[in-house]
Amino acid sequence: MTYCLNLDCPRDKRQNPPGTKYCLNCGSKLLLKDLYAATEPLRDGGFGRTFRAVNHGKFEELCVIKQLSPPQEFQRKPAHFKKYVRLFEQEARRLYELKHPQIPQLISYFEEDGRLYLVQEFIDGNNLKDELDKYGAYSEIKTSELLLDLLPLLKFVHERNVIHRDIKPENVIRRSRDRKLVLIDFGVSKQVVAAAPTKTGTKLGTPGYAALEQRHGRAVPASDLYSLGVTCIRLLTSVMPYLDIYGDIHDDLYDPLEGRWLWREALPKGTLISQDLGQVLDKLIQEYVKDRYKSAVEVLEALKPPVVVVPALEKLQQATVLSPSLSTQRVAESPVVSENLESEKGIDYSHLARLLAAKNWRGADEETSVKMLEVMEQVSRGYLSEEDIRKFPAKDLQTIDRLWVRHSHRRFGFSVQKALWVKSGGKAGVYDATVWEKFGDRVGWRVNSQWVYYSELNFSSKAKPGHLPGGTVFGWEGGVLCGVLGLGGIWFLLSRRDL
């Protein structure tokens, strides 16, 4: 069906048969710019409406149309509306230049028939509110994964002088094809209103998520961090703000008399939160900017676990890994015997070899992620780009793979995964959603047609062939990693001829 975007057209008469060029009820043109056709409404907000749509200029590709509604103060006079259009174009161009794999790509922006439109990439997946309703409250592990996935994105956004202004569970989508979190609704209209002085005191952001300074029209990067912190505690507790019969907002998670959040008291029975993560969340949601983290980098540093190696003993070496979400563990290590640990970058793989020899699959998985970042000098960034994967030294890749294959008796390793990728129909460096799902089913990364979380991987010798290493794809909690390669890059690695 093709949906009419005319606000004056009755809601129950806006649907039209596919291929219709003009609304059968009101006669309005249905194809924006002769390319984009809305098919169904998705959301209706204070700043505009959002529709699922089809791009007829690009193989009927799904997209999203946002029809923006200028605030009344801009509609009263033609000069005011022109100013609004100018600001809209400035902010739309800024969003167009904000290219990141976890931000929907802006395809087009334009004015048509006195209305303003954005056309963006369609993200297939469920938002975190829907995920909460379906699976229940978050654990510490899932909360840490969320922070470690979104904080590098916010760092990227804030460094480009953009503030999202509306972070909440509904505006974060877990993309189906790779399980990555995507931040949607970069409100161009909201940015425009914030940039243009008005006398009406337009409120920005969503009540129950917006920081104090943002509610007073003074949003800063720390305002987004506040909203991210509130998003986390709502996902941990399942407590959301709500409207009463009089339209007033109530929030059982916040005590306005004491000015503090009651999230610990609202945690579901049996939910345990480590002191370290608790302190991070508390600082994120402080009332005043001066008491909060000032940047996403500061939060990432607070989440980053120190790694301490205890000096070797005569017959036994001990390595202690301290993690904010996991209790301290001691890993017994035996000497590495007759291991060929070649590295073009001078990387020491002896600890990885010891972990694998001890069948400590999870520890080895995490160590693999760390070492791959070290090889390409991308520890601070936390992931490898496609270019990094192409340039990854063959000797180092073969050393890592050889260790996994040898100690798992050819059950785990990149070369094992490559063979299964090819058997599933995979081609060199080519993404195919159907093949990727078959591969995921084959190695156990998908269960009942759903991609699993990293915490649900099977770290035992009985896991399916090719199941590990997995941390390079899914990431691991307790550190700053969240998918070294990501699902968007693993097939590039598995196309390497030197594996």
Protein backbone atom coordinates (compact mmCIF):
# COMPACT_ATOMS: atom_id res chain seq x y z
CA MET A 1 0.00 0.00 0.00
CA THR A 2 1.01 3.63 -0.51
CA TYR A 3 0.28 5.99 2.37
CA CYS A 4 -0.86 9.59 1.91
CA LEU A 5 1.24 12.17 3.78
CA ASN A 6 -1.30 14.98 3.60
CA LEU A 7 -2.13 16.03 7.17
CA ASP A 8 -5.62 17.11 6.08
CA CYS A 9 -6.47 13.71 4.62
CA PRO A 10 -8.62 11.63 7.05
CA ARG A 11 -6.52 8.96 8.75
CA ASP A 12 -8.83 6.12 7.81
CA LYS A 13 -8.61 7.04 4.10
CA ARG A 14 -4.87 7.52 3.64
CA GLN A 15 -4.06 4.02 2.38
CA ASN A 16 -3.89 3.63 -1.41
CA PRO A 17 -3.24 0.59 -3.65
CA PRO A 18 0.40 0.00 -4.68
CA GLY A 19 1.45 2.00 -7.73
CA THR A 20 -1.09 4.79 -7.13
CA LYS A 21 0.43 8.20 -7.96
CA TYR A 22 -2.23 10.41 -6.36
CA CYS A 23 -4.29 9.81 -3.23
CA LEU A 24 -7.67 8.44 -4.17
CA ASN A 25 -9.27 10.43 -1.34
CA CYS A 26 -7.65 13.89 -1.37
CA GLY A 27 -5.73 13.91 -4.66
CA SER A 28 -2.34 14.65 -3.06
CA LYS A 29 0.82 13.48 -4.82
CA LEU A 30 2.04 10.27 -3.19
CA LEU A 31 5.58 9.96 -4.57
CA LEU A 32 7.99 12.44 -2.94
CA LYS A 33 10.57 13.76 -5.42
CA ASP A 34 9.11 11.11 -7.76
CA LEU A 35 11.18 8.55 -5.82
CA TYR A 36 10.00 7.91 -2.26
CA ALA A 37 6.65 6.34 -1.36
CA ALA A 38 5.48 5.97 2.25
CA THR A 39 3.90 2.59 3.00
CA GLU A 40 2.89 2.81 6.67
CA PRO A 41 3.22 5.17 9.65
CA LEU A 42 5.78 4.27 12.31
CA ARG A 43 5.75 7.11 14.83
CA ASP A 44 3.97 10.39 15.43
CA GLY A 45 5.95 12.79 17.61
CA GLY A 46 5.93 16.43 18.62
CA PHE A 47 8.40 17.38 15.90
CA GLY A 48 7.01 15.32 13.06
CA ARG A 49 5.93 11.94 11.76
CA THR A 50 7.94 8.92 10.65
CA PHE A 51 6.98 6.41 7.96
CA ARG A 52 8.32 3.18 6.56
CA ALA A 53 8.88 3.79 2.86
CA VAL A 54 10.23 2.46 -0.43
CA ASN A 55 12.93 4.08 -2.55
CA HIS A 56 11.80 3.50 -6.15
CA GLY A 57 15.03 5.01 -7.39
CA LYS A 58 17.12 2.28 -5.78
CA PHE A 59 15.69 -1.18 -6.47
CA GLU A 60 12.66 -0.71 -4.19
CA GLU A 61 14.99 -0.47 -1.18
CA LEU A 62 13.33 0.10 2.19
CA CYS A 63 13.89 3.50 3.75
CA VAL A 64 12.35 5.84 6.33
CA ILE A 65 10.62 9.16 5.60
CA LYS A 66 10.48 11.82 8.30
CA GLN A 67 7.97 14.59 7.75
CA LEU A 68 8.95 17.50 9.99
CA SER A 69 6.46 19.87 11.57
CA PRO A 70 7.90 23.34 12.24
CA PRO A 71 6.95 24.77 15.67
CA GLN A 72 4.15 27.33 15.60
CA GLU A 73 6.49 30.26 16.18
CA PHE A 74 8.10 29.46 12.81
CA GLN A 75 4.80 29.07 10.98
CA ARG A 76 3.27 32.44 11.83
CA LYS A 77 5.40 34.55 9.49
CA PRO A 78 6.98 33.74 6.11
CA ALA A 79 10.31 35.22 7.28
CA HIS A 80 10.33 32.92 10.29
CA PHE A 81 9.61 29.89 8.12
CA LYS A 82 12.47 30.79 5.76
CA LYS A 83 14.77 30.97 8.77
CA TYR A 84 13.54 27.56 9.86
CA VAL A 85 14.21 26.10 6.41
CA ARG A 86 17.71 27.56 6.42
CA LEU A 87 18.46 26.08 9.84
CA PHE A 88 16.92 22.78 8.75
CA GLU A 89 19.25 22.61 5.75
CA GLN A 90 22.28 23.37 7.94
CA GLU A 91 21.42 20.64 10.43
CA ALA A 92 20.45 18.14 7.73
CA ARG A 93 23.82 18.65 6.03
CA ARG A 94 25.54 18.08 9.37
CA LEU A 95 23.62 14.84 9.80
CA TYR A 96 24.47 13.84 6.22
CA GLU A 97 28.16 14.25 7.05
CA LEU A 98 27.76 12.20 10.25
CA LYS A 99 28.71 8.88 8.67
CA HIS A 100 29.01 5.99 11.11
CA PRO A 101 27.91 2.33 10.86
CA GLN A 102 25.71 2.76 13.95
CA ILE A 103 23.85 5.82 12.63
CA PRO A 104 21.21 5.49 9.88
CA GLN A 105 22.55 7.04 6.69
CA LEU A 106 20.79 10.17 5.52
CA ILE A 107 19.75 9.57 1.92
CA SER A 108 18.09 12.90 1.10
CA TYR A 109 16.53 16.02 2.57
CA PHE A 110 14.25 18.51 0.84
CA GLU A 111 11.23 20.80 1.00
CA GLU A 112 8.13 19.88 -0.97
CA ASP A 113 4.72 21.60 -0.93
CA GLY A 114 5.69 23.68 2.07
CA ARG A 115 6.75 20.68 4.15
CA LEU A 116 10.24 19.48 5.11
CA TYR A 117 11.40 15.89 4.69
CA LEU A 118 14.30 13.64 5.59
CA VAL A 119 14.82 10.26 3.93
CA GLN A 120 17.02 7.85 5.87
CA GLU A 121 18.27 4.27 5.78
CA PHE A 122 15.82 1.75 7.22
CA ILE A 123 17.19 -0.23 10.18
CA ASP A 124 15.67 -3.69 10.47
CA GLY A 125 15.48 -4.72 14.11
CA ASN A 126 13.78 -4.17 17.46
CA ASN A 127 14.29 -1.17 19.70
CA LEU A 128 15.43 -1.74 23.28
CA LYS A 129 11.98 -0.99 24.71
CA ASP A 130 10.49 -3.78 22.61
CA GLU A 131 13.40 -6.01 23.61
CA LEU A 132 12.75 -5.23 27.27
CA ASP A 133 9.05 -6.07 26.91
CA LYS A 134 9.90 -9.38 25.22
CA TYR A 135 12.86 -10.63 27.27
CA GLY A 136 12.60 -8.81 30.59
CA ALA A 137 15.01 -6.67 32.61
CA TYR A 138 18.66 -6.41 31.68
CA SER A 139 21.50 -8.08 33.56
CA GLU A 140 24.80 -6.43 34.43
CA ILE A 141 26.43 -8.12 31.44
CA LYS A 142 23.85 -6.81 28.97
CA THR A 143 24.06 -3.34 30.51
CA SER A 144 27.84 -3.31 30.19
CA GLU A 145 27.55 -4.47 26.58
CA LEU A 146 25.12 -1.64 25.87
CA LEU A 147 27.48 0.97 27.34
CA LEU A 148 30.49 -0.40 25.51
CA ASP A 149 28.60 -0.42 22.23
CA LEU A 150 27.14 3.11 22.47
CA LEU A 151 29.89 5.10 24.21
CA PRO A 152 32.35 4.98 21.27
CA LEU A 153 29.46 6.11 19.06
CA LEU A 154 28.70 9.06 21.35
CA LYS A 155 32.40 9.93 21.37
CA PHE A 156 32.26 10.07 17.57
CA VAL A 157 29.09 12.19 17.60
CA HIS A 158 30.19 14.66 20.26
CA GLU A 159 33.59 15.19 18.64
CA ARG A 160 31.64 16.52 15.64
CA ASN A 161 29.71 19.00 17.77
CA VAL A 162 26.42 17.13 17.56
CA ILE A 163 24.22 16.38 20.58
CA HIS A 164 21.52 13.75 20.11
CA ARG A 165 19.17 15.18 22.77
CA ASP A 166 16.80 12.19 22.93
CA ILE A 167 18.57 8.98 23.96
CA LYS A 168 16.08 6.46 25.30
CA PRO A 169 15.29 2.74 24.75
CA GLU A 170 12.90 3.51 21.89
CA ASN A 171 15.66 5.32 20.00
CA VAL A 172 18.18 2.48 20.14
CA ILE A 173 17.63 -0.39 17.70
CA ARG A 174 19.44 -3.72 17.81
CA ARG A 175 20.06 -4.33 14.12
CA SER A 176 18.94 -7.84 13.15
CA ARG A 177 21.75 -8.68 10.73
CA ASP A 178 24.67 -8.06 13.11
CA ARG A 179 23.16 -7.39 16.58
CA LYS A 180 24.88 -3.99 16.73
CA LEU A 181 23.10 -1.13 18.47
CA VAL A 182 22.05 1.70 16.17
CA LEU A 183 21.14 5.16 17.47
CA ILE A 184 18.18 6.59 15.58
CA ASP A 185 16.16 9.82 15.58
CA PHE A 186 18.93 12.37 15.40
CA GLY A 187 16.29 15.05 15.60
CA VAL A 188 17.20 17.67 13.02
CA SER A 189 14.05 19.55 13.96
CA LYS A 190 15.08 19.45 17.62
CA GLN A 191 18.54 20.76 16.76
CA VAL A 192 16.98 23.58 14.76
CA VAL A 193 14.67 24.61 17.58
CA ALA A 194 17.60 24.57 19.98
CA ALA A 195 19.63 26.78 17.63
CA ALA A 196 16.87 29.35 17.11
CA PRO A 197 15.89 31.54 20.12
CA THR A 198 12.17 31.51 20.87
CA LYS A 199 9.94 32.97 23.53
CA THR A 200 7.90 29.84 24.04
CA GLY A 201 10.53 27.84 25.92
CA THR A 202 10.20 24.78 23.72
CA LYS A 203 11.05 21.69 25.77
CA LEU A 204 13.49 19.28 24.17
CA GLY A 205 14.03 15.60 24.90
CA THR A 206 11.75 13.05 26.52
CA PRO A 207 10.53 13.59 30.11
CA GLY A 208 12.11 11.02 32.37
CA TYR A 209 15.32 10.96 30.30
CA ALA A 210 16.29 14.60 29.68
CA ALA A 211 18.89 16.16 31.99
CA LEU A 212 18.18 19.28 34.05
CA GLU A 213 20.25 21.61 31.87
CA GLN A 214 18.62 20.22 28.73
CA ARG A 215 15.17 20.91 30.14
CA HIS A 216 16.29 24.53 30.43
CA GLY A 217 17.56 24.71 26.85
CA ARG A 218 21.29 24.26 27.60
CA ALA A 219 22.11 20.78 26.29
CA VAL A 220 25.77 19.72 26.36
CA PRO A 221 27.49 16.39 25.55
CA ALA A 222 27.09 15.35 29.20
CA SER A 223 23.32 15.65 28.66
CA ASP A 224 23.47 12.68 26.28
CA LEU A 225 25.53 10.74 28.83
CA TYR A 226 22.87 11.44 31.45
CA SER A 227 20.15 10.10 29.14
CA LEU A 228 22.29 7.03 28.41
CA GLY A 229 22.67 6.39 32.15
CA VAL A 230 18.92 6.74 32.69
CA THR A 231 18.32 4.37 29.78
CA CYS A 232 20.55 1.80 31.51
CA ILE A 233 18.79 1.96 34.87
CA ARG A 234 15.38 1.74 33.21
CA LEU A 235 16.46 -1.37 31.31
CA LEU A 236 17.87 -2.85 34.55
CA THR A 237 14.67 -2.20 36.51
CA SER A 238 11.94 -2.26 33.81
CA VAL A 239 10.51 0.90 35.42
CA MET A 240 9.33 3.48 32.88
CA PRO A 241 7.75 6.94 33.34
CA TYR A 242 4.00 7.06 32.68
CA LEU A 243 1.12 9.50 32.25
CA ASP A 244 -1.81 9.58 34.66
CA ILE A 245 -5.41 10.28 33.63
CA TYR A 246 -4.73 14.03 33.92
CA GLY A 247 -1.75 13.90 31.57
CA ASP A 248 0.81 14.40 34.32
CA ILE A 249 4.07 12.42 34.19
CA HIS A 250 4.91 10.06 37.05
CA ASP A 251 8.19 8.27 37.63
CA ASP A 252 8.53 5.64 40.35
CA LEU A 253 12.27 5.47 39.74
CA TYR A 254 12.97 9.08 40.75
CA ASP A 255 12.38 10.85 44.07
CA PRO A 256 11.87 14.57 43.29
CA LEU A 257 11.88 15.52 46.99
CA GLU A 258 15.37 14.14 47.54
CA GLY A 259 16.51 14.68 43.96
CA ARG A 260 17.84 11.14 43.53
CA TRP A 261 17.24 8.01 41.50
CA LEU A 262 15.97 4.91 43.33
CA TRP A 263 17.22 2.37 40.82
CA ARG A 264 18.95 0.01 43.28
CA GLU A 265 15.74 -0.34 45.28
CA ALA A 266 13.85 -1.21 42.09
CA LEU A 267 16.15 -3.95 40.78
CA PRO A 268 14.38 -7.29 40.23
CA LYS A 269 15.00 -9.85 42.92
CA GLY A 270 18.28 -11.67 42.34
CA THR A 271 19.83 -9.00 40.12
CA LEU A 272 23.40 -8.31 41.19
CA ILE A 273 25.30 -5.20 40.14
CA SER A 274 29.01 -4.88 40.85
CA GLN A 275 30.29 -1.88 42.78
CA ASP A 276 32.27 -0.68 39.76
CA LEU A 277 29.35 -0.62 37.34
CA GLY A 278 27.09 0.84 40.04
CA GLN A 279 29.48 3.75 40.55
CA VAL A 280 29.62 4.40 36.81
CA LEU A 281 25.81 4.48 36.56
CA ASP A 282 25.50 6.73 39.62
CA LYS A 283 27.91 9.25 38.14
CA LEU A 284 26.17 9.21 34.76
CA ILE A 285 22.82 10.21 36.30
CA GLN A 286 23.94 12.96 38.66
CA GLU A 287 21.61 15.95 38.63
CA TYR A 288 24.27 18.58 37.95
CA VAL A 289 26.70 18.60 35.04
CA LYS A 290 29.66 19.33 37.33
CA ASP A 291 29.10 15.99 39.11
CA ARG A 292 28.87 13.88 35.94
CA TYR A 293 31.34 12.49 33.43
CA LYS A 294 32.18 15.22 30.92
CA SER A 295 32.82 12.93 27.95
CA ALA A 296 32.25 9.42 26.64
CA VAL A 297 36.00 8.85 26.87
CA GLU A 298 35.87 9.39 30.64
CA VAL A 299 33.14 6.77 30.96
CA LEU A 300 35.06 4.28 28.83
CA GLU A 301 38.13 4.80 30.99
CA ALA A 302 36.04 4.12 34.09
CA LEU A 303 34.74 0.90 32.54
CA LYS A 304 38.15 -0.28 31.31
CA PRO A 305 39.50 -3.04 33.60
CA PRO A 306 43.16 -3.03 34.60
CA VAL A 307 45.15 -6.14 33.74
CA VAL A 308 47.71 -7.28 36.28
CA VAL A 309 50.20 -10.10 35.70
CA VAL A 310 51.66 -11.64 38.87
CA PRO A 311 55.42 -12.46 38.67
CA ALA A 312 56.29 -16.03 37.63
CA LEU A 313 56.84 -18.65 40.30
CA GLU A 314 59.23 -21.59 39.99
CA LYS A 315 56.66 -24.14 38.84
CA LEU A 316 53.56 -22.09 38.18
CA GLN A 317 52.67 -18.71 36.73
CA GLN A 318 49.52 -16.90 37.74
CA ALA A 319 47.75 -14.17 35.79
CA THR A 320 44.98 -12.16 37.44
CA VAL A 321 42.42 -10.33 35.32
CA LEU A 322 40.39 -7.71 37.17
CA SER A 323 37.02 -6.94 35.61
CA PRO A 324 34.32 -4.56 36.84
CA SER A 325 31.58 -7.08 36.04
CA LEU A 326 33.29 -10.34 36.93
CA SER A 327 34.85 -11.52 40.16
CA THR A 328 38.64 -11.76 40.31
CA GLN A 329 39.85 -14.98 38.70
CA ARG A 330 43.20 -16.70 38.81
CA VAL A 331 44.30 -18.54 35.71
CA ALA A 332 46.91 -21.23 36.12
CA GLU A 333 49.48 -21.11 33.34
CA SER A 334 51.97 -23.79 32.39
CA PRO A 335 55.11 -23.13 30.33
CA VAL A 336 54.65 -23.03 26.56
CA VAL A 337 56.55 -25.84 24.90
CA SER A 338 57.58 -25.96 21.22
CA GLU A 339 55.16 -23.23 20.14
CA ASN A 340 55.92 -21.23 17.00
CA LEU A 341 54.75 -17.75 17.99
CA GLU A 342 55.85 -15.64 15.02
CA SER A 343 54.75 -12.01 14.82
CA GLU A 344 55.52 -9.33 12.28
CA LYS A 345 54.72 -6.68 14.90
CA GLY A 346 56.63 -8.17 17.84
CA ILE A 347 53.47 -9.22 19.66
CA ASP A 348 53.87 -11.70 22.54
CA TYR A 349 51.40 -14.57 22.11
CA SER A 350 52.70 -16.70 24.99
CA HIS A 351 49.79 -15.83 27.30
CA LEU A 352 47.29 -16.80 24.59
CA ALA A 353 49.15 -20.07 24.12
CA ARG A 354 49.00 -20.83 27.85
CA LEU A 355 45.29 -20.06 28.07
CA LEU A 356 44.55 -22.36 25.13
CA ALA A 357 46.78 -25.12 26.51
CA ALA A 358 44.80 -24.91 29.76
CA LYS A 359 41.51 -25.10 27.79
CA ASN A 360 40.52 -21.73 29.23
CA TRP A 361 38.43 -20.94 26.16
CA ARG A 362 36.85 -17.76 27.43
CA GLY A 363 40.14 -16.30 28.61
CA ALA A 364 41.72 -17.22 25.28
CA ASP A 365 38.82 -15.66 23.43
CA GLU A 366 39.28 -12.34 25.22
CA GLU A 367 43.05 -12.48 24.78
CA THR A 368 42.60 -13.05 21.03
CA SER A 369 40.55 -9.86 20.77
CA VAL A 370 43.13 -7.88 22.71
CA LYS A 371 46.06 -9.15 20.66
CA MET A 372 44.36 -8.44 17.34
CA LEU A 373 43.79 -4.84 18.41
CA GLU A 374 47.41 -4.60 19.56
CA VAL A 375 48.67 -5.85 16.19
CA MET A 376 46.93 -3.02 14.34
CA GLU A 377 47.47 -0.48 17.15
CA GLN A 378 43.73 0.05 17.59
CA VAL A 379 43.27 -0.74 21.29
CA SER A 380 41.94 2.74 22.06
CA ARG A 381 39.48 2.61 19.15
CA GLY A 382 38.30 -0.85 20.10
CA TYR A 383 37.58 -2.32 16.67
CA LEU A 384 39.22 -3.14 13.34
CA SER A 385 38.04 -1.60 10.08
CA GLU A 386 37.82 -3.50 6.80
CA GLU A 387 41.12 -1.88 5.82
CA ASP A 388 42.71 -3.12 9.07
CA ILE A 389 41.50 -6.65 8.31
CA ARG A 390 42.96 -6.54 4.81
CA LYS A 391 46.30 -5.29 6.14
CA PHE A 392 46.44 -7.64 9.13
CA PRO A 393 49.90 -9.34 9.01
CA ALA A 394 49.72 -12.88 7.70
CA LYS A 395 52.24 -14.22 10.23
CA ASP A 396 50.22 -12.90 13.18
CA LEU A 397 46.93 -14.16 11.77
CA GLN A 398 48.43 -17.60 11.15
CA THR A 399 49.98 -17.73 14.62
CA ILE A 400 46.65 -16.97 16.29
CA ASP A 401 44.81 -19.44 14.09
CA ARG A 402 47.44 -22.17 14.51
CA LEU A 403 47.22 -21.90 18.32
CA TRP A 404 43.44 -22.22 18.28
CA VAL A 405 43.42 -25.11 15.82
CA ARG A 406 46.17 -27.04 17.61
CA HIS A 407 44.80 -26.78 21.16
CA SER A 408 41.19 -27.43 20.13
CA HIS A 409 42.16 -30.44 18.01
CA ARG A 410 40.92 -28.64 14.87
CA ARG A 411 37.57 -27.74 16.41
CA PHE A 412 38.08 -23.97 16.75
CA GLY A 413 39.97 -21.28 14.85
CA PHE A 414 39.58 -18.82 11.99
CA SER A 415 40.55 -21.39 9.37
CA VAL A 416 37.87 -23.74 10.73
CA GLN A 417 35.33 -20.91 10.47
CA LYS A 418 36.51 -20.12 6.95
CA ALA A 419 35.91 -23.70 5.81
CA LEU A 420 32.39 -23.61 7.26
CA TRP A 421 31.76 -20.18 5.72
CA VAL A 422 32.63 -21.55 2.28
CA LYS A 423 30.53 -24.69 2.83
CA SER A 424 27.60 -22.44 3.70
CA GLY A 425 27.93 -20.75 0.33
CA GLY A 426 30.02 -17.76 1.39
CA LYS A 427 32.13 -15.91 -1.18
CA ALA A 428 35.26 -13.85 -0.72
CA GLY A 429 34.49 -10.53 0.92
CA VAL A 430 30.82 -10.63 -0.07
CA TYR A 431 28.02 -10.17 2.47
CA ASP A 432 24.95 -12.33 1.91
CA ALA A 433 22.31 -12.26 4.64
CA THR A 434 21.04 -15.77 3.85
CA VAL A 435 24.54 -17.29 3.86
CA TRP A 436 25.43 -15.38 7.01
CA GLU A 437 22.41 -16.82 8.83
CA LYS A 438 23.26 -20.34 7.63
CA PHE A 439 26.80 -19.85 8.88
CA GLY A 440 25.51 -18.54 12.22
CA ASP A 441 23.28 -21.59 12.59
CA ARG A 442 26.15 -23.91 11.68
CA VAL A 443 28.64 -22.57 14.24
CA GLY A 444 26.04 -22.03 16.97
CA TRP A 445 25.94 -18.24 16.94
CA ARG A 446 22.22 -18.40 16.15
CA VAL A 447 19.70 -20.42 18.14
CA ASN A 448 16.06 -20.76 17.07
CA SER A 449 16.66 -18.15 14.33
CA GLN A 450 17.94 -15.58 16.86
CA TRP A 451 21.52 -14.32 17.19
CA VAL A 452 22.80 -15.06 20.67
CA TYR A 453 24.56 -12.62 23.01
CA TYR A 454 28.25 -12.99 23.74
CA SER A 455 27.41 -14.12 27.27
CA GLU A 456 25.43 -17.02 25.76
CA LEU A 457 28.35 -18.47 23.79
CA ASN A 458 29.47 -21.98 24.73
CA PHE A 459 33.00 -21.78 26.17
CA SER A 460 33.61 -25.51 26.33
CA SER A 461 35.37 -28.14 24.25
CA LYS A 462 31.95 -29.50 23.25
CA ALA A 463 30.87 -26.33 21.45
CA LYS A 464 30.06 -26.65 17.76
CA PRO A 465 33.00 -26.61 15.33
CA GLY A 466 33.82 -23.01 14.48
CA HIS A 467 31.99 -21.66 17.54
CA LEU A 468 35.17 -19.99 18.79
CA PRO A 469 36.81 -17.53 18.68
CA GLY A 470 33.70 -15.39 19.09
CA GLY A 471 34.89 -12.33 20.99
CA THR A 472 36.25 -10.81 17.80
CA VAL A 473 32.68 -10.71 16.54
CA PHE A 474 30.38 -10.26 19.53
CA GLY A 475 32.70 -8.44 21.96
CA TRP A 476 33.13 -9.28 25.63
CA GLU A 477 31.81 -7.76 28.80
CA GLY A 478 34.09 -6.34 31.46
CA GLY A 479 36.34 -4.44 29.05
CA VAL A 480 36.28 -1.79 26.40
CA LEU A 481 35.84 -4.29 23.57
CA CYS A 482 32.55 -4.85 21.85
CA GLY A 483 33.23 -6.82 18.71
CA VAL A 484 36.76 -6.32 17.39
CA LEU A 485 35.68 -7.31 13.89
CA GLY A 486 31.94 -7.09 14.30
CA LEU A 487 29.49 -9.08 12.25
CA GLY A 488 30.08 -6.52 9.52
CA GLY A 489 33.70 -7.56 9.08
CA ILE A 490 34.06 -11.24 9.89
CA TRP A 491 33.43 -12.33 6.29
CA PHE A 492 36.35 -10.15 5.17
CA LEU A 493 38.61 -12.05 7.55
CA LEU A 494 37.23 -15.41 6.42
CA SER A 495 38.06 -14.45 2.83
CA ARG A 496 41.79 -14.20 3.55
CA ARG A 497 43.72 -16.55 1.27
CA ASP A 498 46.46 -16.97 3.87
CA LEU A 499 44.16 -18.71 6.35
